Amino acid sequence: HDMRLCQGHIAMLCPEAMFLRSSSNETLTNGDIMEMGTTLAAEIRSFIKDFNLGGTIGRLSFVTHSLGGLIVRAALPLLLEEFG
């Protein structure tokens, strides 16, 4: 929830941007990093599918804090396989 302020600032600068504030790993922070990366990648794929973005993504950026950075690093190879 602490990322809402950051999202608001980015949205003012980039009104065309879409945002996903991930929640898939909120209760799993004592789990395996690779498992959390897999869960995050699935959440991102679902977000892309729900908004009918297809395989066309101009840019994908992540704003993370602490453990979130490690989880994103675990998810990136999985996303590259699909969206390369």
N, C-alpha and C. Protein backbone atom coordinates (compact mmCIF):
# COMPACT_ATOMS: atom_id res chain seq x y z
N HIS A 1 0.81 -1.20 0.00
CA HIS A 1 0.00 0.00 0.00
C HIS A 1 0.85 1.27 0.00
N ASP A 2 2.09 1.16 0.41
CA ASP A 2 2.93 2.35 0.49
C ASP A 2 3.41 2.83 -0.87
N MET A 3 3.07 2.12 -1.93
CA MET A 3 3.49 2.53 -3.27
C MET A 3 2.45 3.42 -3.96
N ARG A 4 1.31 3.65 -3.33
CA ARG A 4 0.27 4.47 -3.96
C ARG A 4 0.74 5.89 -4.24
N LEU A 5 1.47 6.47 -3.31
CA LEU A 5 1.97 7.84 -3.50
C LEU A 5 2.92 7.89 -4.69
N CYS A 6 3.80 6.92 -4.77
CA CYS A 6 4.74 6.84 -5.90
C CYS A 6 3.96 6.68 -7.21
N GLN A 7 2.95 5.83 -7.20
CA GLN A 7 2.13 5.63 -8.39
C GLN A 7 1.46 6.93 -8.80
N GLY A 8 0.95 7.68 -7.85
CA GLY A 8 0.30 8.95 -8.15
C GLY A 8 1.23 9.94 -8.83
N HIS A 9 2.45 10.00 -8.35
CA HIS A 9 3.43 10.92 -8.95
C HIS A 9 3.79 10.49 -10.37
N ILE A 10 4.00 9.21 -10.57
CA ILE A 10 4.33 8.71 -11.90
C ILE A 10 3.16 8.93 -12.85
N ALA A 11 1.94 8.72 -12.37
CA ALA A 11 0.75 8.90 -13.20
C ALA A 11 0.61 10.35 -13.66
N MET A 12 1.01 11.30 -12.81
CA MET A 12 0.94 12.70 -13.23
C MET A 12 1.94 13.00 -14.34
N LEU A 13 3.10 12.37 -14.27
CA LEU A 13 4.14 12.58 -15.28
C LEU A 13 3.89 11.79 -16.56
N CYS A 14 3.29 10.63 -16.41
CA CYS A 14 3.05 9.74 -17.55
C CYS A 14 1.60 9.27 -17.53
N PRO A 15 0.66 10.13 -17.92
CA PRO A 15 -0.76 9.77 -17.81
C PRO A 15 -1.18 8.56 -18.64
N GLU A 16 -0.39 8.20 -19.63
CA GLU A 16 -0.73 7.04 -20.47
C GLU A 16 -0.27 5.72 -19.85
N ALA A 17 0.45 5.78 -18.76
CA ALA A 17 1.00 4.58 -18.13
C ALA A 17 -0.10 3.76 -17.47
N MET A 18 0.13 2.46 -17.44
CA MET A 18 -0.76 1.53 -16.73
C MET A 18 0.01 1.01 -15.52
N PHE A 19 -0.70 0.69 -14.46
CA PHE A 19 -0.04 0.29 -13.22
C PHE A 19 -0.60 -1.01 -12.69
N LEU A 20 0.29 -1.83 -12.20
CA LEU A 20 -0.07 -3.04 -11.47
C LEU A 20 0.66 -2.97 -10.13
N ARG A 21 -0.07 -2.81 -9.06
CA ARG A 21 0.53 -2.91 -7.73
C ARG A 21 0.35 -4.35 -7.30
N SER A 22 1.40 -5.10 -7.41
CA SER A 22 1.34 -6.53 -7.18
C SER A 22 0.92 -6.85 -5.74
N SER A 23 0.12 -7.90 -5.62
CA SER A 23 -0.29 -8.37 -4.30
C SER A 23 -0.11 -9.87 -4.16
N SER A 24 0.37 -10.51 -5.20
CA SER A 24 0.43 -11.98 -5.21
C SER A 24 1.37 -12.57 -4.17
N ASN A 25 2.36 -11.82 -3.73
CA ASN A 25 3.32 -12.37 -2.77
C ASN A 25 3.23 -11.72 -1.39
N GLU A 26 2.18 -10.98 -1.13
CA GLU A 26 2.09 -10.25 0.13
C GLU A 26 2.21 -11.15 1.36
N THR A 27 1.66 -12.34 1.28
CA THR A 27 1.70 -13.23 2.45
C THR A 27 2.81 -14.28 2.34
N LEU A 28 3.63 -14.20 1.31
CA LEU A 28 4.65 -15.23 1.07
C LEU A 28 6.07 -14.73 1.28
N THR A 29 6.27 -13.65 1.99
CA THR A 29 7.59 -13.03 2.04
C THR A 29 8.64 -13.86 2.76
N ASN A 30 8.26 -14.93 3.39
CA ASN A 30 9.24 -15.84 3.98
C ASN A 30 9.49 -17.04 3.08
N GLY A 31 8.94 -17.00 1.87
CA GLY A 31 9.05 -18.12 0.96
C GLY A 31 10.31 -18.08 0.11
N ASP A 32 10.35 -18.95 -0.85
CA ASP A 32 11.45 -19.09 -1.78
C ASP A 32 11.39 -17.97 -2.82
N ILE A 33 12.51 -17.32 -3.08
CA ILE A 33 12.56 -16.19 -4.02
C ILE A 33 12.11 -16.63 -5.41
N MET A 34 12.55 -17.77 -5.87
CA MET A 34 12.18 -18.24 -7.21
C MET A 34 10.68 -18.51 -7.31
N GLU A 35 10.10 -19.07 -6.25
CA GLU A 35 8.66 -19.31 -6.24
C GLU A 35 7.90 -17.98 -6.29
N MET A 36 8.39 -17.00 -5.54
CA MET A 36 7.74 -15.69 -5.55
C MET A 36 7.90 -15.03 -6.92
N GLY A 37 9.04 -15.24 -7.58
CA GLY A 37 9.24 -14.72 -8.93
C GLY A 37 8.27 -15.35 -9.91
N THR A 38 8.04 -16.64 -9.77
CA THR A 38 7.09 -17.34 -10.62
C THR A 38 5.68 -16.81 -10.40
N THR A 39 5.33 -16.58 -9.14
CA THR A 39 4.02 -16.04 -8.80
C THR A 39 3.84 -14.63 -9.38
N LEU A 40 4.88 -13.80 -9.26
CA LEU A 40 4.82 -12.45 -9.80
C LEU A 40 4.69 -12.48 -11.32
N ALA A 41 5.45 -13.33 -11.97
CA ALA A 41 5.37 -13.44 -13.44
C ALA A 41 3.97 -13.84 -13.87
N ALA A 42 3.33 -14.74 -13.14
CA ALA A 42 1.96 -15.15 -13.46
C ALA A 42 1.00 -13.99 -13.28
N GLU A 43 1.19 -13.19 -12.23
CA GLU A 43 0.33 -12.04 -12.00
C GLU A 43 0.49 -11.00 -13.12
N ILE A 44 1.70 -10.80 -13.57
CA ILE A 44 1.96 -9.85 -14.67
C ILE A 44 1.34 -10.36 -15.96
N ARG A 45 1.50 -11.65 -16.25
CA ARG A 45 0.88 -12.23 -17.46
C ARG A 45 -0.63 -12.05 -17.42
N SER A 46 -1.24 -12.28 -16.27
CA SER A 46 -2.68 -12.11 -16.12
C SER A 46 -3.10 -10.66 -16.35
N PHE A 47 -2.33 -9.73 -15.83
CA PHE A 47 -2.59 -8.30 -16.02
C PHE A 47 -2.56 -7.95 -17.50
N ILE A 48 -1.55 -8.44 -18.20
CA ILE A 48 -1.41 -8.17 -19.63
C ILE A 48 -2.59 -8.78 -20.40
N LYS A 49 -2.98 -9.99 -20.02
CA LYS A 49 -4.11 -10.65 -20.68
C LYS A 49 -5.42 -9.91 -20.39
N ASP A 50 -5.63 -9.50 -19.13
CA ASP A 50 -6.87 -8.82 -18.75
C ASP A 50 -7.07 -7.51 -19.50
N PHE A 51 -5.98 -6.83 -19.82
CA PHE A 51 -6.07 -5.56 -20.52
C PHE A 51 -5.86 -5.72 -22.02
N ASN A 52 -5.87 -6.97 -22.49
CA ASN A 52 -5.74 -7.26 -23.92
C ASN A 52 -4.53 -6.58 -24.54
N LEU A 53 -3.42 -6.61 -23.85
CA LEU A 53 -2.21 -6.00 -24.38
C LEU A 53 -1.51 -6.94 -25.35
N GLY A 54 -1.94 -8.19 -25.38
CA GLY A 54 -1.34 -9.17 -26.27
C GLY A 54 0.14 -9.31 -26.00
N GLY A 55 0.91 -9.58 -27.02
CA GLY A 55 2.35 -9.71 -26.87
C GLY A 55 3.07 -8.41 -27.10
N THR A 56 2.32 -7.33 -27.29
CA THR A 56 2.93 -6.05 -27.60
C THR A 56 3.04 -5.20 -26.34
N ILE A 57 4.25 -5.08 -25.85
CA ILE A 57 4.50 -4.24 -24.68
C ILE A 57 5.63 -3.30 -25.06
N GLY A 58 5.33 -2.02 -25.07
CA GLY A 58 6.34 -1.04 -25.44
C GLY A 58 7.43 -0.94 -24.39
N ARG A 59 7.01 -0.96 -23.13
CA ARG A 59 7.98 -0.80 -22.05
C ARG A 59 7.38 -1.38 -20.79
N LEU A 60 8.21 -2.02 -20.02
CA LEU A 60 7.79 -2.59 -18.75
C LEU A 60 8.79 -2.14 -17.70
N SER A 61 8.33 -1.38 -16.72
CA SER A 61 9.20 -0.85 -15.67
C SER A 61 8.71 -1.33 -14.32
N PHE A 62 9.63 -1.48 -13.40
CA PHE A 62 9.30 -1.93 -12.06
C PHE A 62 9.83 -0.93 -11.04
N VAL A 63 9.00 -0.62 -10.06
CA VAL A 63 9.43 0.17 -8.91
C VAL A 63 9.28 -0.76 -7.72
N THR A 64 10.38 -1.04 -7.07
CA THR A 64 10.35 -2.02 -5.98
C THR A 64 11.05 -1.47 -4.74
N HIS A 65 10.93 -2.22 -3.70
CA HIS A 65 11.61 -1.88 -2.46
C HIS A 65 12.13 -3.18 -1.86
N SER A 66 13.37 -3.19 -1.48
CA SER A 66 13.98 -4.29 -0.73
C SER A 66 13.77 -5.64 -1.41
N LEU A 67 13.06 -6.54 -0.76
CA LEU A 67 12.86 -7.89 -1.27
C LEU A 67 12.18 -7.89 -2.64
N GLY A 68 11.37 -6.86 -2.90
CA GLY A 68 10.68 -6.79 -4.19
C GLY A 68 11.64 -6.78 -5.36
N GLY A 69 12.80 -6.16 -5.20
CA GLY A 69 13.79 -6.14 -6.27
C GLY A 69 14.31 -7.53 -6.59
N LEU A 70 14.50 -8.34 -5.57
CA LEU A 70 14.95 -9.72 -5.78
C LEU A 70 13.87 -10.55 -6.47
N ILE A 71 12.63 -10.32 -6.07
CA ILE A 71 11.52 -11.06 -6.67
C ILE A 71 11.38 -10.69 -8.15
N VAL A 72 11.50 -9.42 -8.47
CA VAL A 72 11.44 -8.99 -9.88
C VAL A 72 12.56 -9.63 -10.67
N ARG A 73 13.75 -9.67 -10.11
CA ARG A 73 14.87 -10.31 -10.82
C ARG A 73 14.61 -11.78 -11.08
N ALA A 74 13.89 -12.44 -10.19
CA ALA A 74 13.54 -13.84 -10.40
C ALA A 74 12.44 -13.98 -11.46
N ALA A 75 11.56 -12.98 -11.57
CA ALA A 75 10.46 -13.04 -12.53
C ALA A 75 10.89 -12.69 -13.95
N LEU A 76 11.87 -11.82 -14.09
CA LEU A 76 12.25 -11.33 -15.43
C LEU A 76 12.58 -12.42 -16.44
N PRO A 77 13.39 -13.42 -16.10
CA PRO A 77 13.67 -14.45 -17.11
C PRO A 77 12.41 -15.17 -17.58
N LEU A 78 11.46 -15.35 -16.68
CA LEU A 78 10.21 -16.01 -17.05
C LEU A 78 9.38 -15.15 -18.00
N LEU A 79 9.41 -13.84 -17.77
CA LEU A 79 8.68 -12.93 -18.65
C LEU A 79 9.38 -12.79 -20.00
N LEU A 80 10.71 -12.80 -19.99
CA LEU A 80 11.46 -12.70 -21.25
C LEU A 80 11.19 -13.89 -22.16
N GLU A 81 10.99 -15.07 -21.56
CA GLU A 81 10.67 -16.26 -22.37
C GLU A 81 9.40 -16.03 -23.20
N GLU A 82 8.44 -15.35 -22.60
CA GLU A 82 7.16 -15.16 -23.27
C GLU A 82 7.10 -13.89 -24.11
N PHE A 83 7.67 -12.81 -23.60
CA PHE A 83 7.51 -11.52 -24.26
C PHE A 83 8.79 -11.02 -24.90
N GLY A 84 9.92 -11.71 -24.62
CA GLY A 84 11.24 -11.42 -25.12
C GLY A 84 11.42 -10.18 -25.82
